[in-house]
Amino acid sequence: MSFKGVGWLLVLLFAALVFFLAATMAWIAGLGWVLGLLCAVWGVFLLAELKRWVSLRDVAWAANVGFGCSVIRWFDVPGETASGLMSLALLGAAALCLIFFALLSPGLLGWIASRLRPQPEPALPVEQPASPEALRRWGPKD
């Protein structure tokens, strides 16, 4: 991995940490702040998908994962108060939450962006290759 790749990985980890902290503060402030932050993250992701800005899309994906981690922190119960079955249920809920925020929501937003994106202009017409019948009619001297 090159230095550039390590630097980009650090930027993505920093974005996830910043949005984890921002979403944690939003959970403390109220549900309206949480929904506003989520709409902002998903709006930036849609904009980046529509404009095909890959680096902004990656940062928005990392912010989405950070938001998902804050959701996990929000419904987390201290380990000593939860029974064995309850702790397994919380672990499963955390896994489902991460799957949703890391895979499903970016996939759905990408699908929505592909539907909103204008159709590409048709390519220039290309001459069709000769059919086998035309190749048989033409001799080697043609």
Foldseek 3Di string as FASTA:
>chain_A
DDPVVVVLVVLLQVLLQVLLVQLLVQVVVDDVSNVVSVCVLLVQLLVCLQVVVVSSNSSSLSSLLSNLVNVLVVPDDDPVVDDPVRVVVSVVVSVVSNCCSNPVSSVVSNVVSVVVHDDDDDDDDDDDDDDPVVVVPDDPVD
